[in-house]
């Protein structure tokens, strides 16, 4: 991912628009709220990484998917899923 922040900032806005049109009784409401919050956190992390790289304190180059998830989460993934994501 070269510049994830360019794309990540758009998703919460789009998902919020979908959430506004979704009825509160719909089971997808919780998933939408969780997705919005998760993407906002990921966007903050991407901004921080971009800043660190610009200041010469981070690793340059493309990011891989495993660079953006926590080590704790990586430990919970089955090997088959890690291979599929790669």
PDB file of N, CA and C in Angstrom:
ATOM      1  N   UNK A   1       0.852  -1.166   0.000  1.00  0.00           N
ATOM      2  CA  UNK A   1       0.000   0.000   0.000  1.00  0.00           C
ATOM      3  C   UNK A   1       0.898   1.228   0.000  1.00  0.00           C
ATOM      4  N   UNK A   2       0.864   1.960  -1.061  1.00  0.00           N
ATOM      5  CA  UNK A   2       1.717   3.141  -1.148  1.00  0.00           C
ATOM      6  C   UNK A   2       1.220   4.275  -0.273  1.00  0.00           C
ATOM      7  N   UNK A   3      -0.034   4.637  -0.409  1.00  0.00           N
ATOM      8  CA  UNK A   3      -0.570   5.777   0.334  1.00  0.00           C
ATOM      9  C   UNK A   3      -1.947   5.435   0.863  1.00  0.00           C
ATOM     10  N   UNK A   4      -2.010   4.627   1.912  1.00  0.00           N
ATOM     11  CA  UNK A   4      -3.314   4.199   2.414  1.00  0.00           C
ATOM     12  C   UNK A   4      -4.160   5.342   2.945  1.00  0.00           C
ATOM     13  N   UNK A   5      -3.517   6.390   3.440  1.00  0.00           N
ATOM     14  CA  UNK A   5      -4.296   7.482   4.018  1.00  0.00           C
ATOM     15  C   UNK A   5      -5.156   8.183   2.971  1.00  0.00           C
ATOM     16  N   UNK A   6      -4.725   8.131   1.707  1.00  0.00           N
ATOM     17  CA  UNK A   6      -5.543   8.744   0.652  1.00  0.00           C
ATOM     18  C   UNK A   6      -6.894   8.063   0.528  1.00  0.00           C
ATOM     19  N   UNK A   7      -6.911   6.769   0.750  1.00  0.00           N
ATOM     20  CA  UNK A   7      -8.150   6.015   0.597  1.00  0.00           C
ATOM     21  C   UNK A   7      -8.886   5.838   1.920  1.00  0.00           C
ATOM     22  N   UNK A   8      -8.154   5.663   2.997  1.00  0.00           N
ATOM     23  CA  UNK A   8      -8.772   5.385   4.288  1.00  0.00           C
ATOM     24  C   UNK A   8      -9.634   6.530   4.802  1.00  0.00           C
ATOM     25  N   UNK A   9      -9.310   7.747   4.455  1.00  0.00           N
ATOM     26  CA  UNK A   9     -10.097   8.869   4.969  1.00  0.00           C
ATOM     27  C   UNK A   9     -11.489   8.929   4.346  1.00  0.00           C
ATOM     28  N   UNK A  10     -11.682   8.269   3.217  1.00  0.00           N
ATOM     29  CA  UNK A  10     -12.976   8.301   2.536  1.00  0.00           C
ATOM     30  C   UNK A  10     -13.963   7.277   3.094  1.00  0.00           C
ATOM     31  N   UNK A  11     -13.454   6.145   3.573  1.00  0.00           N
ATOM     32  CA  UNK A  11     -14.336   5.053   3.979  1.00  0.00           C
ATOM     33  C   UNK A  11     -15.248   5.377   5.155  1.00  0.00           C
ATOM     34  N   UNK A  12     -14.778   6.029   6.230  1.00  0.00           N
ATOM     35  CA  UNK A  12     -15.704   6.344   7.320  1.00  0.00           C
ATOM     36  C   UNK A  12     -16.861   7.244   6.878  1.00  0.00           C
ATOM     37  N   UNK A  13     -16.583   8.149   5.975  1.00  0.00           N
ATOM     38  CA  UNK A  13     -17.644   9.041   5.477  1.00  0.00           C
ATOM     39  C   UNK A  13     -18.694   8.236   4.712  1.00  0.00           C
ATOM     40  N   UNK A  14     -18.221   7.345   3.854  1.00  0.00           N
ATOM     41  CA  UNK A  14     -19.146   6.522   3.076  1.00  0.00           C
ATOM     42  C   UNK A  14     -19.945   5.576   3.970  1.00  0.00           C
ATOM     43  N   UNK A  15     -19.256   4.938   4.912  1.00  0.00           N
ATOM     44  CA  UNK A  15     -19.952   4.019   5.810  1.00  0.00           C
ATOM     45  C   UNK A  15     -20.915   4.756   6.738  1.00  0.00           C
ATOM     46  N   UNK A  16     -20.582   5.974   7.124  1.00  0.00           N
ATOM     47  CA  UNK A  16     -21.495   6.771   7.958  1.00  0.00           C
ATOM     48  C   UNK A  16     -22.771   7.102   7.199  1.00  0.00           C
ATOM     49  N   UNK A  17     -22.642   7.360   5.904  1.00  0.00           N
ATOM     50  CA  UNK A  17     -23.828   7.627   5.083  1.00  0.00           C
ATOM     51  C   UNK A  17     -24.703   6.381   5.000  1.00  0.00           C
ATOM     52  N   UNK A  18     -24.082   5.229   4.876  1.00  0.00           N
ATOM     53  CA  UNK A  18     -24.842   3.971   4.852  1.00  0.00           C
ATOM     54  C   UNK A  18     -25.505   3.747   6.209  1.00  0.00           C
ATOM     55  N   UNK A  19     -24.774   4.023   7.282  1.00  0.00           N
ATOM     56  CA  UNK A  19     -25.309   3.853   8.633  1.00  0.00           C
ATOM     57  C   UNK A  19     -26.527   4.739   8.874  1.00  0.00           C
ATOM     58  N   UNK A  20     -26.497   5.960   8.370  1.00  0.00           N
ATOM     59  CA  UNK A  20     -27.632   6.875   8.536  1.00  0.00           C
ATOM     60  C   UNK A  20     -28.895   6.333   7.884  1.00  0.00           C
ATOM     61  N   UNK A  21     -28.753   5.626   6.785  1.00  0.00           N
ATOM     62  CA  UNK A  21     -29.895   5.080   6.058  1.00  0.00           C
ATOM     63  C   UNK A  21     -30.312   3.703   6.561  1.00  0.00           C
ATOM     64  N   UNK A  22     -29.527   3.127   7.460  1.00  0.00           N
ATOM     65  CA  UNK A  22     -29.812   1.801   7.980  1.00  0.00           C
ATOM     66  C   UNK A  22     -30.679   1.927   9.222  1.00  0.00           C
ATOM     67  N   UNK A  23     -31.735   1.122   9.272  1.00  0.00           N
ATOM     68  CA  UNK A  23     -32.621   1.154  10.429  1.00  0.00           C
ATOM     69  C   UNK A  23     -31.897   0.611  11.652  1.00  0.00           C
ATOM     70  N   UNK A  24     -32.225   1.163  12.812  1.00  0.00           N
ATOM     71  CA  UNK A  24     -31.536   0.807  14.062  1.00  0.00           C
ATOM     72  C   UNK A  24     -31.729  -0.673  14.416  1.00  0.00           C
ATOM     73  N   UNK A  25     -32.829  -1.287  13.990  1.00  0.00           N
ATOM     74  CA  UNK A  25     -33.094  -2.693  14.301  1.00  0.00           C
ATOM     75  C   UNK A  25     -32.267  -3.641  13.432  1.00  0.00           C
ATOM     76  N   UNK A  26     -31.695  -3.136  12.368  1.00  0.00           N
ATOM     77  CA  UNK A  26     -30.923  -3.958  11.442  1.00  0.00           C
ATOM     78  C   UNK A  26     -29.671  -4.487  12.143  1.00  0.00           C
ATOM     79  N   UNK A  27     -29.397  -5.800  12.014  1.00  0.00           N
ATOM     80  CA  UNK A  27     -28.209  -6.357  12.676  1.00  0.00           C
ATOM     81  C   UNK A  27     -26.889  -5.809  12.131  1.00  0.00           C
ATOM     82  N   UNK A  28     -26.911  -5.198  10.968  1.00  0.00           N
ATOM     83  CA  UNK A  28     -25.689  -4.643  10.378  1.00  0.00           C
ATOM     84  C   UNK A  28     -25.250  -3.338  11.036  1.00  0.00           C
ATOM     85  N   UNK A  29     -26.103  -2.726  11.835  1.00  0.00           N
ATOM     86  CA  UNK A  29     -25.773  -1.451  12.470  1.00  0.00           C
ATOM     87  C   UNK A  29     -24.512  -1.586  13.327  1.00  0.00           C
ATOM     88  N   UNK A  30     -24.442  -2.646  14.125  1.00  0.00           N
ATOM     89  CA  UNK A  30     -23.271  -2.842  14.978  1.00  0.00           C
ATOM     90  C   UNK A  30     -22.006  -3.050  14.152  1.00  0.00           C
ATOM     91  N   UNK A  31     -22.123  -3.808  13.075  1.00  0.00           N
ATOM     92  CA  UNK A  31     -20.968  -4.048  12.217  1.00  0.00           C
ATOM     93  C   UNK A  31     -20.501  -2.756  11.544  1.00  0.00           C
ATOM     94  N   UNK A  32     -21.440  -1.933  11.113  1.00  0.00           N
ATOM     95  CA  UNK A  32     -21.084  -0.663  10.486  1.00  0.00           C
ATOM     96  C   UNK A  32     -20.366   0.253  11.474  1.00  0.00           C
ATOM     97  N   UNK A  33     -20.882   0.336  12.690  1.00  0.00           N
ATOM     98  CA  UNK A  33     -20.243   1.173  13.709  1.00  0.00           C
ATOM     99  C   UNK A  33     -18.833   0.685  14.010  1.00  0.00           C
ATOM    100  N   UNK A  34     -18.674  -0.627  14.118  1.00  0.00           N
ATOM    101  CA  UNK A  34     -17.357  -1.195  14.389  1.00  0.00           C
ATOM    102  C   UNK A  34     -16.398  -0.946  13.223  1.00  0.00           C
ATOM    103  N   UNK A  35     -16.902  -1.078  11.998  1.00  0.00           N
ATOM    104  CA  UNK A  35     -16.066  -0.845  10.822  1.00  0.00           C
ATOM    105  C   UNK A  35     -15.613   0.611  10.753  1.00  0.00           C
ATOM    106  N   UNK A  36     -16.514   1.531  11.027  1.00  0.00           N
ATOM    107  CA  UNK A  36     -16.169   2.957  11.011  1.00  0.00           C
ATOM    108  C   UNK A  36     -15.080   3.249  12.034  1.00  0.00           C
ATOM    109  N   UNK A  37     -15.251   2.732  13.241  1.00  0.00           N
ATOM    110  CA  UNK A  37     -14.265   2.971  14.297  1.00  0.00           C
ATOM    111  C   UNK A  37     -12.926   2.338  13.945  1.00  0.00           C
ATOM    112  N   UNK A  38     -12.945   1.134  13.425  1.00  0.00           N
ATOM    113  CA  UNK A  38     -11.699   0.440  13.068  1.00  0.00           C
ATOM    114  C   UNK A  38     -10.947   1.172  11.967  1.00  0.00           C
ATOM    115  N   UNK A  39     -11.660   1.654  10.980  1.00  0.00           N
ATOM    116  CA  UNK A  39     -11.008   2.361   9.877  1.00  0.00           C
ATOM    117  C   UNK A  39     -10.443   3.695  10.349  1.00  0.00           C
ATOM    118  N   UNK A  40     -11.133   4.362  11.267  1.00  0.00           N
ATOM    119  CA  UNK A  40     -10.598   5.611  11.817  1.00  0.00           C
ATOM    120  C   UNK A  40      -9.295   5.360  12.572  1.00  0.00           C
ATOM    121  N   UNK A  41      -9.232   4.272  13.320  1.00  0.00           N
ATOM    122  CA  UNK A  41      -8.010   3.926  14.046  1.00  0.00           C
ATOM    123  C   UNK A  41      -6.899   3.599  13.054  1.00  0.00           C
ATOM    124  N   UNK A  42      -7.233   2.828  12.037  1.00  0.00           N
ATOM    125  CA  UNK A  42      -6.247   2.472  11.021  1.00  0.00           C
ATOM    126  C   UNK A  42      -5.749   3.714  10.287  1.00  0.00           C
ATOM    127  N   UNK A  43      -6.637   4.649  10.022  1.00  0.00           N
ATOM    128  CA  UNK A  43      -6.258   5.901   9.364  1.00  0.00           C
ATOM    129  C   UNK A  43      -5.284   6.695  10.237  1.00  0.00           C
ATOM    130  N   UNK A  44      -5.556   6.748  11.532  1.00  0.00           N
ATOM    131  CA  UNK A  44      -4.647   7.456  12.450  1.00  0.00           C
ATOM    132  C   UNK A  44      -3.276   6.809  12.440  1.00  0.00           C
ATOM    133  N   UNK A  45      -3.257   5.485  12.448  1.00  0.00           N
ATOM    134  CA  UNK A  45      -1.994   4.761  12.412  1.00  0.00           C
ATOM    135  C   UNK A  45      -1.251   5.032  11.107  1.00  0.00           C
ATOM    136  N   UNK A  46      -1.977   5.050  10.001  1.00  0.00           N
ATOM    137  CA  UNK A  46      -1.360   5.310   8.696  1.00  0.00           C
ATOM    138  C   UNK A  46      -0.769   6.718   8.647  1.00  0.00           C
ATOM    139  N   UNK A  47      -1.472   7.693   9.220  1.00  0.00           N
ATOM    140  CA  UNK A  47      -0.941   9.057   9.267  1.00  0.00           C
ATOM    141  C   UNK A  47       0.346   9.116  10.091  1.00  0.00           C
ATOM    142  N   UNK A  48       0.348   8.430  11.219  1.00  0.00           N
ATOM    143  CA  UNK A  48       1.530   8.404  12.064  1.00  0.00           C
ATOM    144  C   UNK A  48       2.706   7.772  11.334  1.00  0.00           C
ATOM    145  N   UNK A  49       2.466   6.643  10.669  1.00  0.00           N
ATOM    146  CA  UNK A  49       3.538   5.969   9.925  1.00  0.00           C
ATOM    147  C   UNK A  49       4.055   6.865   8.797  1.00  0.00           C
ATOM    148  N   UNK A  50       3.156   7.540   8.108  1.00  0.00           N
ATOM    149  CA  UNK A  50       3.564   8.435   7.024  1.00  0.00           C
ATOM    150  C   UNK A  50       4.433   9.567   7.569  1.00  0.00           C
ATOM    151  N   UNK A  51       4.047  10.131   8.703  1.00  0.00           N
ATOM    152  CA  UNK A  51       4.824  11.195   9.332  1.00  0.00           C
ATOM    153  C   UNK A  51       6.201  10.686   9.754  1.00  0.00           C
ATOM    154  N   UNK A  52       6.232   9.502  10.372  1.00  0.00           N
ATOM    155  CA  UNK A  52       7.506   8.942  10.812  1.00  0.00           C
ATOM    156  C   UNK A  52       8.447   8.704   9.640  1.00  0.00           C
ATOM    157  N   UNK A  53       7.918   8.202   8.548  1.00  0.00           N
ATOM    158  CA  UNK A  53       8.738   7.963   7.363  1.00  0.00           C
ATOM    159  C   UNK A  53       9.269   9.284   6.813  1.00  0.00           C
ATOM    160  N   UNK A  54       8.401  10.301   6.777  1.00  0.00           N
ATOM    161  CA  UNK A  54       8.816  11.613   6.274  1.00  0.00           C
ATOM    162  C   UNK A  54       9.923  12.217   7.142  1.00  0.00           C
ATOM    163  N   UNK A  55       9.906  11.912   8.415  1.00  0.00           N
ATOM    164  CA  UNK A  55      10.909  12.449   9.330  1.00  0.00           C
ATOM    165  C   UNK A  55      12.139  11.545   9.420  1.00  0.00           C
ATOM    166  N   UNK A  56      12.151  10.471   8.625  1.00  0.00           N
ATOM    167  CA  UNK A  56      13.300   9.573   8.627  1.00  0.00           C
ATOM    168  C   UNK A  56      13.358   8.623   9.801  1.00  0.00           C
ATOM    169  N   UNK A  57      12.220   8.396  10.457  1.00  0.00           N
ATOM    170  CA  UNK A  57      12.211   7.535  11.644  1.00  0.00           C
ATOM    171  C   UNK A  57      11.441   6.247  11.430  1.00  0.00           C
ATOM    172  N   UNK A  58      11.032   5.996  10.222  1.00  0.00           N
ATOM    173  CA  UNK A  58      10.279   4.779   9.954  1.00  0.00           C
ATOM    174  C   UNK A  58      10.877   4.048   8.777  1.00  0.00           C
ATOM    175  N   UNK A  59      10.346   2.895   8.494  1.00  0.00           N
ATOM    176  CA  UNK A  59      10.852   2.123   7.370  1.00  0.00           C
ATOM    177  C   UNK A  59      10.212   2.628   6.086  1.00  0.00           C
ATOM    178  N   UNK A  60      11.012   2.990   5.091  1.00  0.00           N
ATOM    179  CA  UNK A  60      10.454   3.464   3.822  1.00  0.00           C
ATOM    180  C   UNK A  60       9.960   2.304   2.971  1.00  0.00           C
ATOM    181  N   UNK A  61       9.271   2.630   1.927  1.00  0.00           N
ATOM    182  CA  UNK A  61       8.810   1.612   0.990  1.00  0.00           C
ATOM    183  C   UNK A  61       7.354   1.280   1.170  1.00  0.00           C
ATOM    184  N   UNK A  62       6.934   0.270   0.441  1.00  0.00           N
ATOM    185  CA  UNK A  62       5.523  -0.140   0.499  1.00  0.00           C
ATOM    186  C   UNK A  62       5.212  -0.838   1.812  1.00  0.00           C
ATOM    187  N   UNK A  63       3.992  -0.691   2.256  1.00  0.00           N
ATOM    188  CA  UNK A  63       3.524  -1.385   3.440  1.00  0.00           C
ATOM    189  C   UNK A  63       2.817  -2.646   2.997  1.00  0.00           C
ATOM    190  N   UNK A  64       2.960  -3.664   3.765  1.00  0.00           N
ATOM    191  CA  UNK A  64       2.226  -4.902   3.549  1.00  0.00           C
ATOM    192  C   UNK A  64       1.086  -4.939   4.549  1.00  0.00           C
ATOM    193  N   UNK A  65       0.138  -5.827   4.333  1.00  0.00           N
ATOM    194  CA  UNK A  65      -1.033  -5.895   5.210  1.00  0.00           C
ATOM    195  C   UNK A  65      -0.625  -6.189   6.649  1.00  0.00           C
ATOM    196  N   UNK A  66       0.391  -7.009   6.855  1.00  0.00           N
ATOM    197  CA  UNK A  66       0.795  -7.378   8.215  1.00  0.00           C
ATOM    198  C   UNK A  66       1.488  -6.236   8.949  1.00  0.00           C
ATOM    199  N   UNK A  67       1.904  -5.198   8.223  1.00  0.00           N
ATOM    200  CA  UNK A  67       2.479  -4.021   8.868  1.00  0.00           C
ATOM    201  C   UNK A  67       1.413  -3.172   9.552  1.00  0.00           C
ATOM    202  N   UNK A  68       0.166  -3.385   9.179  1.00  0.00           N
ATOM    203  CA  UNK A  68      -0.914  -2.534   9.667  1.00  0.00           C
ATOM    204  C   UNK A  68      -1.776  -3.190  10.743  1.00  0.00           C
ATOM    205  N   UNK A  69      -1.458  -4.425  11.100  1.00  0.00           N
ATOM    206  CA  UNK A  69      -2.219  -5.088  12.160  1.00  0.00           C
ATOM    207  C   UNK A  69      -1.284  -5.388  13.328  1.00  0.00           C
ATOM    208  N   UNK A  70      -1.860  -5.521  14.482  1.00  0.00           N
ATOM    209  CA  UNK A  70      -1.045  -5.731  15.682  1.00  0.00           C
ATOM    210  C   UNK A  70      -0.480  -7.142  15.723  1.00  0.00           C
ATOM    211  N   UNK A  71       0.582  -7.296  16.472  1.00  0.00           N
ATOM    212  CA  UNK A  71       1.187  -8.611  16.664  1.00  0.00           C
ATOM    213  C   UNK A  71       0.243  -9.566  17.367  1.00  0.00           C
ATOM    214  N   UNK A  72      -0.556  -9.022  18.286  1.00  0.00           N
ATOM    215  CA  UNK A  72      -1.549  -9.846  18.991  1.00  0.00           C
ATOM    216  C   UNK A  72      -2.537 -10.452  18.009  1.00  0.00           C
ATOM    217  N   UNK A  73      -3.014  -9.625  17.086  1.00  0.00           N
ATOM    218  CA  UNK A  73      -3.979 -10.112  16.102  1.00  0.00           C
ATOM    219  C   UNK A  73      -3.338 -11.145  15.183  1.00  0.00           C
ATOM    220  N   UNK A  74      -2.095 -10.923  14.812  1.00  0.00           N
ATOM    221  CA  UNK A  74      -1.391 -11.862  13.943  1.00  0.00           C
ATOM    222  C   UNK A  74      -1.299 -13.239  14.592  1.00  0.00           C
ATOM    223  N   UNK A  75      -1.112 -13.283  15.911  1.00  0.00           N
ATOM    224  CA  UNK A  75      -1.019 -14.563  16.620  1.00  0.00           C
ATOM    225  C   UNK A  75      -2.332 -15.333  16.612  1.00  0.00           C
ATOM    226  N   UNK A  76      -3.447 -14.628  16.469  1.00  0.00           N
ATOM    227  CA  UNK A  76      -4.748 -15.297  16.487  1.00  0.00           C
ATOM    228  C   UNK A  76      -5.139 -15.858  15.124  1.00  0.00           C
ATOM    229  N   UNK A  77      -4.455 -15.429  14.076  1.00  0.00           N
ATOM    230  CA  UNK A  77      -4.801 -15.889  12.732  1.00  0.00           C
ATOM    231  C   UNK A  77      -4.229 -17.277  12.461  1.00  0.00           C
ATOM    232  N   UNK A  78      -5.045 -18.146  11.856  1.00  0.00           N
ATOM    233  CA  UNK A  78      -4.504 -19.448  11.457  1.00  0.00           C
ATOM    234  C   UNK A  78      -3.485 -19.273  10.325  1.00  0.00           C
ATOM    235  N   UNK A  79      -2.554 -20.192  10.224  1.00  0.00           N
ATOM    236  CA  UNK A  79      -1.506 -20.102   9.202  1.00  0.00           C
ATOM    237  C   UNK A  79      -2.105 -20.048   7.800  1.00  0.00           C
ATOM    238  N   UNK A  80      -3.204 -20.745   7.603  1.00  0.00           N
ATOM    239  CA  UNK A  80      -3.856 -20.752   6.290  1.00  0.00           C
ATOM    240  C   UNK A  80      -4.334 -19.346   5.912  1.00  0.00           C
ATOM    241  N   UNK A  81      -4.867 -18.605   6.883  1.00  0.00           N
ATOM    242  CA  UNK A  81      -5.339 -17.243   6.636  1.00  0.00           C
ATOM    243  C   UNK A  81      -4.177 -16.293   6.370  1.00  0.00           C
ATOM    244  N   UNK A  82      -3.094 -16.449   7.105  1.00  0.00           N
ATOM    245  CA  UNK A  82      -1.910 -15.608   6.879  1.00  0.00           C
ATOM    246  C   UNK A  82      -1.397 -15.825   5.455  1.00  0.00           C
ATOM    247  N   UNK A  83      -1.345 -17.083   5.040  1.00  0.00           N
ATOM    248  CA  UNK A  83      -0.882 -17.394   3.684  1.00  0.00           C
ATOM    249  C   UNK A  83      -1.828 -16.817   2.637  1.00  0.00           C
ATOM    250  N   UNK A  84      -3.145 -16.902   2.893  1.00  0.00           N
ATOM    251  CA  UNK A  84      -4.130 -16.361   1.943  1.00  0.00           C
ATOM    252  C   UNK A  84      -3.993 -14.853   1.823  1.00  0.00           C
ATOM    253  N   UNK A  85      -3.774 -14.166   2.926  1.00  0.00           N
ATOM    254  CA  UNK A  85      -3.643 -12.720   2.910  1.00  0.00           C
ATOM    255  C   UNK A  85      -2.371 -12.282   2.194  1.00  0.00           C
ATOM    256  N   UNK A  86      -1.321 -13.085   2.304  1.00  0.00           N
ATOM    257  CA  UNK A  86      -0.052 -12.737   1.672  1.00  0.00           C
ATOM    258  C   UNK A  86      -0.169 -12.888   0.177  1.00  0.00           C
TER     259      UNK A  86
END
